[in-house]
Protein backbone atom coordinates (compact mmCIF):
# COMPACT_ATOMS: atom_id res chain seq x y z
CA MET A 1 -14.20 184.74 78.41
CA GLN A 2 -13.66 181.88 76.04
CA VAL A 3 -13.10 178.54 78.06
CA ARG A 4 -13.71 176.61 75.15
CA GLY A 5 -11.03 174.12 73.95
CA ARG A 6 -9.55 174.27 77.63
CA THR A 7 -9.56 172.25 79.98
CA VAL A 8 -11.35 172.89 83.57
CA GLU A 9 -7.66 172.52 85.27
CA ASN A 10 -6.12 175.20 83.29
CA LEU A 11 -9.03 178.12 83.95
CA SER A 12 -7.30 179.90 86.50
CA PHE A 13 -10.53 181.69 87.76
CA LEU A 14 -11.59 178.17 88.19
CA ARG A 15 -8.46 177.31 90.03
CA ASN A 16 -10.02 177.23 93.44
CA VAL A 17 -13.66 175.67 92.80
CA PRO A 18 -13.96 172.31 93.93
CA TYR A 19 -14.11 169.64 90.90
CA ALA A 20 -17.10 167.83 92.73
CA ILE A 21 -19.22 170.49 91.21
CA PHE A 22 -18.94 169.62 88.10
CA ARG A 23 -19.62 165.79 88.99
CA ALA A 24 -22.65 167.06 90.61
CA GLY A 25 -23.74 168.49 87.49
CA SER A 26 -23.52 164.92 85.55
CA SER A 27 -25.73 163.02 88.31
CA LEU A 28 -28.49 162.44 86.06
CA GLU A 29 -26.32 160.95 83.35
CA VAL A 30 -24.36 158.77 85.66
CA CYS A 31 -27.76 157.45 86.72
CA ALA A 32 -29.05 157.01 83.70
CA ILE A 33 -25.74 154.63 83.03
CA ARG A 34 -25.80 152.75 85.84
CA ARG A 35 -29.34 151.81 85.59
CA LYS A 36 -28.52 150.63 82.17
CA HIS A 37 -25.90 148.56 83.37
CA LEU A 38 -28.00 146.78 86.21
CA ILE A 39 -30.48 146.11 83.22
CA ASP A 40 -28.16 144.78 81.43
CA PHE A 41 -26.76 142.49 84.22
CA ALA A 42 -30.16 141.31 85.05
CA ALA A 43 -30.92 140.66 81.54
CA ALA A 44 -27.78 138.56 81.21
CA LEU A 45 -28.19 137.05 84.55
CA ALA A 46 -31.83 135.83 83.17
CA VAL A 47 -30.48 134.26 80.27
CA LEU A 48 -27.99 132.11 82.14
CA ILE A 49 -30.64 130.74 84.36
CA LEU A 50 -32.72 130.08 81.39
CA LEU A 51 -30.05 128.46 79.78
CA GLN A 52 -29.32 126.54 82.91
CA VAL A 53 -33.17 125.58 82.91
CA LEU A 54 -32.93 124.61 79.51
CA ILE A 55 -29.94 122.92 79.84
CA ASN A 56 -31.41 120.59 82.94
CA HIS A 57 -34.61 119.92 81.06
CA PHE A 58 -33.07 119.11 77.72
CA TYR A 59 -29.80 117.81 78.55
CA LEU A 60 -29.64 116.82 82.11
CA ARG A 61 -33.16 115.15 82.11
CA ILE A 62 -34.64 112.63 80.04
CA PRO A 63 -37.84 111.71 78.96
CA VAL A 64 -39.31 108.73 80.24
CA THR A 65 -43.25 107.31 80.22
CA LEU A 66 -44.43 106.46 83.65
CA ALA A 67 -47.55 104.33 83.64
CA GLY A 68 -48.92 106.15 80.76
CA GLU A 69 -47.84 109.65 81.94
CA ARG A 70 -44.96 111.51 79.69
CA ILE A 71 -42.25 112.84 82.11
CA ARG A 72 -38.82 114.01 82.52
CA VAL A 73 -36.12 112.59 84.80
CA SER A 74 -32.55 113.01 86.06
CA ARG A 75 -30.17 111.01 83.75
CA ASP A 76 -28.50 109.21 86.70
CA MET A 77 -32.36 107.86 87.97
CA THR A 78 -32.97 104.33 88.93
CA VAL A 79 -36.24 102.51 88.58
CA THR A 80 -36.53 102.20 92.60
CA GLN A 81 -35.57 106.07 92.80
CA LEU A 82 -38.49 107.00 90.45
CA LEU A 83 -41.01 105.09 92.21
CA THR A 84 -39.76 106.54 95.39
CA GLU A 85 -39.77 110.19 93.98
CA LYS A 86 -43.51 109.62 92.30
CA GLN A 87 -44.21 107.78 95.98
CA ILE A 88 -45.56 104.86 94.39
CA ARG A 89 -45.80 101.81 96.31
CA LEU A 90 -45.90 98.11 95.23
CA SER A 91 -47.10 95.28 97.40
CA ARG A 92 -46.69 91.36 96.84
CA GLY A 93 -49.47 89.13 95.74
CA ASN A 94 -51.62 87.29 97.93
CA LEU A 95 -52.16 83.57 98.74
CA LEU A 96 -55.39 81.97 97.71
CA ASP A 97 -57.08 78.70 98.46
CA VAL A 98 -58.83 76.89 95.69
CA LYS A 99 -61.93 78.51 95.95
CA ARG A 100 -59.81 81.83 95.40
CA GLN A 101 -60.37 83.30 98.89
CA VAL A 102 -57.46 84.69 100.49
CA LEU A 103 -55.29 82.26 102.62
CA ARG A 104 -52.44 84.36 103.36
CA ARG A 105 -51.93 88.43 102.67
CA GLY A 106 -48.60 88.65 100.98
CA GLY A 107 -47.91 85.12 100.19
CA GLY A 108 -48.08 85.20 96.19
CA LYS A 109 -45.47 86.52 93.97
CA ALA A 110 -43.21 89.63 94.39
CA ALA A 111 -43.97 92.97 92.71
CA TYR A 112 -42.13 93.67 89.67
CA VAL A 113 -41.78 96.56 86.91
CA LEU A 114 -41.96 96.53 83.04
CA VAL A 115 -39.76 98.66 80.77
CA ASP A 116 -40.43 99.13 77.31
CA GLY A 117 -42.63 95.56 78.00
CA LYS A 118 -40.11 93.44 79.63
CA ARG A 119 -39.37 92.87 83.34
CA ALA A 120 -36.34 94.72 84.39
CA ALA A 121 -34.44 94.96 87.92
CA PHE A 122 -35.28 97.64 90.11
CA SER A 123 -31.76 98.70 90.13
CA SER A 124 -31.89 99.45 86.21
CA MET A 125 -30.63 102.95 85.20
CA LEU A 126 -33.54 104.84 83.01
CA ARG A 127 -32.88 105.60 79.68
CA GLY A 128 -34.44 108.48 77.76
CA GLY A 129 -37.74 106.66 75.65
CA ASP A 130 -38.30 104.33 78.45
CA SER A 131 -41.74 103.01 78.92
CA ILE A 132 -41.86 102.10 82.80
CA ALA A 133 -45.11 100.00 83.70
CA PRO A 134 -44.98 98.91 88.14
CA ARG A 135 -46.90 96.02 89.04
CA ASN A 136 -48.23 94.68 91.68
CA GLY A 137 -47.39 90.88 92.44
CA ASP A 138 -49.51 88.27 91.00
CA ASP A 139 -51.72 86.22 93.49
CA VAL A 140 -51.08 82.56 93.60
CA VAL A 141 -53.42 79.73 94.16
CA GLU A 142 -52.37 76.77 96.54
CA PRO A 143 -51.23 74.06 94.78
CA VAL A 144 -54.01 70.92 94.70
CA VAL A 145 -53.08 67.46 95.99
CA THR A 146 -54.76 63.76 95.95
CA ARG A 147 -55.19 61.34 98.66
CA ARG A 148 -57.11 58.19 98.98
CA VAL A 149 -59.60 57.39 101.51
CA SER A 150 -61.12 54.66 102.59
CA ILE A 151 -64.70 54.17 102.51
CA PRO A 152 -66.09 52.01 105.25
CA PRO A 153 -68.74 49.48 104.47
CA GLN A 154 -72.13 49.60 105.37
CA THR A 155 -73.87 47.09 106.93
CA LYS A 156 -77.15 44.84 105.81
CA ILE A 157 -78.85 42.65 108.01
CA VAL A 158 -81.04 39.89 106.42
CA GLY A 159 -83.27 37.18 107.93
CA GLU A 160 -84.88 36.82 110.81
CA GLY A 161 -84.14 35.57 114.31
CA ARG A 162 -82.92 36.04 118.01
CA TYR A 163 -79.12 36.05 117.02
CA LEU A 164 -76.79 37.90 114.61
CA ALA A 165 -73.96 36.03 112.45
CA ILE A 166 -71.82 37.34 109.97
CA ASN A 167 -72.56 36.18 106.94
CA ALA A 168 -69.91 38.30 104.26
CA LEU A 169 -67.25 40.81 105.59
CA GLY A 170 -67.66 43.95 104.17
CA VAL A 171 -64.78 45.25 101.98
CA ALA A 172 -63.56 48.63 102.07
CA GLY A 173 -64.00 50.90 99.02
CA THR A 174 -61.77 53.72 97.91
CA ARG A 175 -62.49 57.35 97.06
CA LEU A 176 -59.72 59.87 95.31
CA GLU A 177 -60.30 63.27 96.93
CA HIS A 178 -58.62 66.59 95.09
CA LEU A 179 -57.75 69.02 97.87
CA GLY A 180 -56.18 72.08 98.59
CA ALA A 181 -52.39 71.35 100.12
CA LEU A 182 -52.67 74.11 102.60
CA SER A 183 -56.35 74.62 103.21
CA LYS A 184 -57.41 70.85 102.97
CA ILE A 185 -60.82 72.18 101.05
CA VAL A 186 -61.84 68.98 98.75
CA THR A 187 -62.99 70.37 95.35
CA LYS A 188 -63.27 67.23 93.84
CA ARG A 189 -64.66 63.36 94.99
CA GLN A 190 -64.47 60.22 93.02
CA VAL A 191 -65.21 56.85 93.90
CA ILE A 192 -62.85 54.58 92.02
CA LYS A 193 -63.50 51.53 94.27
CA ARG A 194 -67.06 50.54 95.41
CA PRO A 195 -67.33 49.08 99.45
CA ILE A 196 -68.91 45.93 99.48
CA PRO A 197 -71.21 45.92 102.80
CA THR A 198 -70.91 43.76 105.80
CA VAL A 199 -73.80 41.07 105.63
CA LEU A 200 -75.11 40.10 108.83
CA VAL A 201 -77.97 37.02 108.74
CA LYS A 202 -80.59 37.08 111.67
CA THR A 203 -80.56 33.47 112.94
CA ASP A 204 -82.44 31.18 115.77
CA GLU A 205 -79.32 29.25 116.07
CA PRO A 206 -76.82 30.54 119.00
CA PRO A 207 -73.12 31.24 117.79
CA PRO A 208 -70.72 28.95 118.63
CA LYS A 209 -68.81 30.05 121.93
CA MET A 210 -65.52 30.99 120.52
CA ILE A 211 -63.19 33.60 122.08
CA ALA A 212 -59.51 34.73 121.03
CA LEU A 213 -56.94 35.79 122.79
CA THR A 214 -54.65 38.29 121.47
CA PHE A 215 -51.37 39.52 122.88
CA ASP A 216 -49.48 42.86 121.75
CA ASP A 217 -46.22 44.73 122.11
CA GLY A 218 -44.27 41.72 122.55
CA PRO A 219 -41.92 39.54 121.87
CA GLY A 220 -40.19 40.51 125.29
CA THR A 221 -38.68 38.64 128.03
CA GLN A 222 -41.81 37.16 129.39
CA THR A 223 -43.40 36.09 125.82
CA LEU A 224 -41.86 32.59 125.72
CA ALA A 225 -43.35 32.40 129.59
CA ILE A 226 -46.76 33.15 127.96
CA ALA A 227 -46.13 30.58 125.36
CA ASP A 228 -45.42 28.04 127.78
CA ALA A 229 -48.36 28.76 129.74
CA LEU A 230 -50.53 28.74 126.73
CA LYS A 231 -48.61 25.55 125.50
CA ARG A 232 -49.56 23.71 128.82
CA GLU A 233 -53.41 24.76 128.44
CA ALA A 234 -53.26 23.66 124.64
CA VAL A 235 -54.82 26.91 124.20
CA PRO A 236 -53.91 29.02 120.72
CA ALA A 237 -53.26 32.37 120.64
CA THR A 238 -52.63 35.43 118.10
CA PHE A 239 -49.43 37.38 118.70
CA PHE A 240 -49.21 41.26 117.38
CA LEU A 241 -45.94 41.79 117.01
CA LEU A 242 -43.74 44.88 116.99
CA GLY A 243 -41.08 44.99 114.12
CA GLN A 244 -38.40 46.61 116.54
CA GLN A 245 -38.79 43.62 118.89
CA VAL A 246 -39.03 40.93 116.38
CA LYS A 247 -35.43 42.36 115.02
CA LYS A 248 -34.09 42.00 119.13
CA TYR A 249 -35.89 38.55 119.59
CA PRO A 250 -35.89 36.53 116.07
CA ALA A 251 -36.20 33.26 117.71
CA ILE A 252 -39.11 34.08 119.85
CA ALA A 253 -41.31 35.13 117.03
CA LYS A 254 -40.33 31.97 115.49
CA ARG A 255 -41.15 29.75 118.55
CA LEU A 256 -44.44 31.45 118.41
CA VAL A 257 -45.26 29.95 114.98
CA ASP A 258 -43.89 26.82 115.64
CA ASP A 259 -45.93 26.54 118.44
CA GLY A 260 -49.10 26.99 116.24
CA HIS A 261 -49.94 30.50 117.01
CA VAL A 262 -50.80 33.21 114.73
CA VAL A 263 -48.79 36.55 114.44
CA GLY A 264 -49.97 39.76 113.43
CA ASN A 265 -48.32 43.39 112.68
CA HIS A 266 -48.16 46.08 115.36
CA SER A 267 -46.39 48.29 113.54
CA PHE A 268 -42.67 48.62 113.73
CA ASP A 269 -41.98 50.77 117.04
CA HIS A 270 -45.55 51.47 118.22
CA SER A 271 -46.10 55.10 116.66
CA LYS A 272 -49.70 56.47 116.63
CA LEU A 273 -50.29 55.65 112.79
CA THR A 274 -52.96 58.68 112.78
CA ARG A 275 -50.27 61.07 113.27
CA LEU A 276 -47.99 59.97 110.64
CA ASP A 277 -48.57 60.87 106.73
CA GLU A 278 -49.18 58.05 104.53
CA ALA A 279 -45.60 57.39 103.93
CA GLY A 280 -44.95 57.13 107.45
CA VAL A 281 -47.55 54.41 107.64
CA GLN A 282 -46.55 52.86 104.78
CA GLN A 283 -42.99 52.39 106.44
CA GLN A 284 -44.18 51.43 109.84
CA LEU A 285 -46.19 48.44 108.47
CA ALA A 286 -44.01 47.25 105.09
CA TRP A 287 -41.16 46.93 107.67
CA THR A 288 -42.93 45.40 110.29
CA GLN A 289 -44.16 42.85 107.32
CA SER A 290 -40.62 42.20 105.92
CA VAL A 291 -39.00 41.64 109.79
CA ILE A 292 -41.73 39.20 111.02
CA MET A 293 -41.55 37.52 107.49
CA ARG A 294 -37.62 36.83 107.81
CA ALA A 295 -37.60 35.94 111.27
CA ALA A 296 -40.82 33.81 111.87
CA LYS A 297 -41.43 32.44 108.34
CA ARG A 298 -44.84 33.05 107.92
CA LYS A 299 -46.63 36.14 106.31
CA PRO A 300 -48.62 38.05 108.82
CA TYR A 301 -52.48 38.60 107.60
CA TRP A 302 -53.23 40.56 110.43
CA MET A 303 -53.05 44.24 111.62
CA ARG A 304 -53.45 45.82 114.97
CA PRO A 305 -52.99 49.61 115.05
CA PRO A 306 -50.79 50.94 118.30
CA GLY A 307 -53.50 52.14 121.18
CA GLY A 308 -56.34 50.89 118.60
CA HIS A 309 -55.73 53.91 116.50
CA ALA A 310 -56.61 54.21 112.99
CA ASN A 311 -58.14 56.48 109.93
CA PRO A 312 -59.13 55.84 106.40
CA VAL A 313 -55.30 56.13 105.44
CA VAL A 314 -54.21 53.60 107.85
CA LEU A 315 -56.78 51.15 106.88
CA ALA A 316 -56.32 51.70 103.13
CA LEU A 317 -52.76 51.18 103.54
CA ALA A 318 -53.07 48.01 105.41
CA ARG A 319 -55.84 46.52 102.84
CA LYS A 320 -52.72 47.24 100.24
CA LEU A 321 -50.72 45.24 102.36
CA LYS A 322 -53.12 42.30 102.59
CA LEU A 323 -53.46 42.82 106.29
CA HIS A 324 -57.14 42.56 107.82
CA SER A 325 -57.21 45.66 110.82
CA ILE A 326 -58.65 44.26 114.03
CA ASN A 327 -59.04 45.89 117.43
CA TRP A 328 -60.70 44.09 120.24
CA ASP A 329 -63.84 43.50 122.29
CA ILE A 330 -62.46 43.00 125.56
CA ASP A 331 -59.79 45.02 127.13
CA SER A 332 -58.07 43.40 129.97
CA ARG A 333 -56.40 46.26 130.99
CA ASP A 334 -53.37 44.12 132.10
CA TRP A 335 -50.90 47.58 130.99
CA THR A 336 -52.32 49.04 134.16
CA LYS A 337 -50.87 46.34 136.20
CA PRO A 338 -53.38 45.96 138.15
CA GLY A 339 -52.57 42.21 139.62
CA PHE A 340 -53.90 39.07 138.20
CA LYS A 341 -57.04 39.14 139.93
CA PRO A 342 -58.35 41.98 138.47
CA ILE A 343 -57.34 41.05 134.68
CA ALA A 344 -58.81 37.42 135.15
CA GLN A 345 -61.99 38.71 136.71
CA LYS A 346 -62.38 41.54 134.12
CA ILE A 347 -61.91 38.98 130.85
CA ILE A 348 -64.40 36.42 132.73
CA ARG A 349 -67.27 38.93 133.38
CA GLU A 350 -67.15 40.39 130.10
CA ALA A 351 -66.67 37.20 128.27
CA ARG A 352 -69.12 36.50 125.05
CA PRO A 353 -69.04 34.31 121.84
CA GLY A 354 -66.82 35.64 119.11
CA ALA A 355 -65.25 38.39 121.43
CA VAL A 356 -61.27 39.25 121.08
CA VAL A 357 -59.37 39.74 124.36
CA LEU A 358 -56.67 42.28 124.25
CA MET A 359 -53.86 41.39 126.54
CA HIS A 360 -49.94 42.09 126.47
CA ASP A 361 -46.69 40.18 126.36
CA GLY A 362 -44.68 42.66 126.07
CA GLY A 363 -44.07 46.79 127.00
CA GLY A 364 -43.78 46.32 130.37
CA ASP A 365 -43.61 43.59 133.30
CA ARG A 366 -46.14 41.32 132.31
CA THR A 367 -46.42 38.94 135.83
CA GLY A 368 -50.05 39.78 136.42
CA THR A 369 -51.01 38.55 132.82
CA LEU A 370 -49.05 35.40 133.06
CA LYS A 371 -50.67 34.48 136.40
CA ALA A 372 -54.16 35.51 135.27
CA LEU A 373 -54.04 33.11 132.30
CA PRO A 374 -54.72 29.67 133.99
CA TYR A 375 -57.66 30.81 135.70
CA ILE A 376 -58.94 32.79 132.53
CA ILE A 377 -58.51 29.61 130.32
CA ARG A 378 -60.20 27.17 132.91
CA SER A 379 -63.04 29.23 133.94
CA LEU A 380 -64.06 29.80 130.64
CA ARG A 381 -63.64 26.64 129.43
CA GLN A 382 -65.98 25.23 132.30
CA GLN A 383 -68.75 28.04 130.48
CA GLY A 384 -68.33 25.84 127.26
CA TYR A 385 -65.67 28.44 125.50
CA ASN A 386 -63.57 27.09 122.88
CA PHE A 387 -60.12 29.23 122.58
CA VAL A 388 -59.13 29.97 118.78
CA THR A 389 -56.70 32.45 116.84
CA LEU A 390 -57.95 34.87 114.49
CA ASP A 391 -57.25 32.41 111.76
CA ASP A 392 -59.67 29.89 113.48
CA MET A 393 -62.15 32.24 114.27
CA TYR A 394 -62.84 33.23 110.39
CA ASN A 395 -62.37 29.84 109.07
CA ILE A 396 -65.15 28.61 111.24
CA SER A 397 -67.45 31.45 110.31
CA PRO A 398 -68.80 31.88 106.34
CA LEU A 399 -66.29 34.51 106.18
CA ALA A 400 -63.51 32.21 105.44
CA SER A 401 -63.90 32.00 101.89
CA ARG A 402 -63.34 35.86 101.61
CA LEU A 403 -59.99 35.70 103.68
CA PRO A 404 -56.76 35.36 102.88
CA VAL A 405 -55.78 33.07 105.94
CA ALA A 406 -52.46 32.12 106.84
CA LYS A 407 -51.76 28.41 107.41
CA ARG A 408 -50.34 27.10 110.55
CA LYS A 409 -49.24 24.40 112.36
CA PRO A 410 -52.06 22.95 114.87
CA VAL A 411 -51.21 23.42 118.71
CA LYS A 412 -50.35 19.98 120.24
CA ARG A 413 -52.93 18.97 122.82
């Protein structure tokens, strides 16, 4: 039987044979076809993946150089994102002292980045071909400042004898210092004015029995009463005035000068001068000079720092204003308000030739000081003491030619 040229469906003897038998006969051919399709699909997928990689690498990513290394990065990446991705951490520089030691970590300049050799913001977008060079912040050296320092005069003793007399008052010198503004480390010292030593002469001639009464913190409400007590005893004194008090009682300052007393500078408001900077000390002393001269018509030549606290800056600025700094030899401690008897007894007990006595006419109730004055004056006079102002004390001594002494009216006796 010939079946060539006919379809299977037309073969009558095969009409009852299932069609699947014919398909089973070609299963190997079908598997081969399917395998070929799978291979073709896999190849196409590989090509697509390769194309995606190539697109990402050559089109969506751009070449840059980071710290000398050639890399590729996303087109939309910033400098900050690049450094974060590469785990590069930058730090600020340090603050160094004048000896290049670390004074404060992180106190220097901020970190930065160079793109193609120029500083760029960390938020800058990267471009193809950029050369990125991250840099830690630079160290910073503290600034250097200069200050003038007073050089205290030395003391030179000459001659022979039982007593010492001042022959020449020493003059402080000045040294210029260069130092770190924060560390205070001095890097250079330069003497611009050499000190002149104080000369003491040994002699067998006893010193004159002079003693100077001085009063601080006025003028106040009891200053005139003290001035009246001194006038009754024909005793001149030296009053160290506060600028703010002179502004309050200008007529009293003038009265003191008219009575023959010497007025000195005691700062403007009794600030502790050693706690102030140079400008603050200058202001305190200069203001007070101006106020006293305007009220009393007399230029002060003496300065007593509040509490006796002074340092080279204070002394140098006082000298610049032609003021001679002085403290005291005998503290009456009247500021503790012990009563008139302890005040008088302490001064009389400690009196010695050339002594400067500290008392107060302002700053509180001075009833004890006022009441003690007659006892002090009469007792010391009986011992042969002569009461003088600071101007008098140095006029009488060989120092007169070395000191600018204020002219004053003599006390009426």
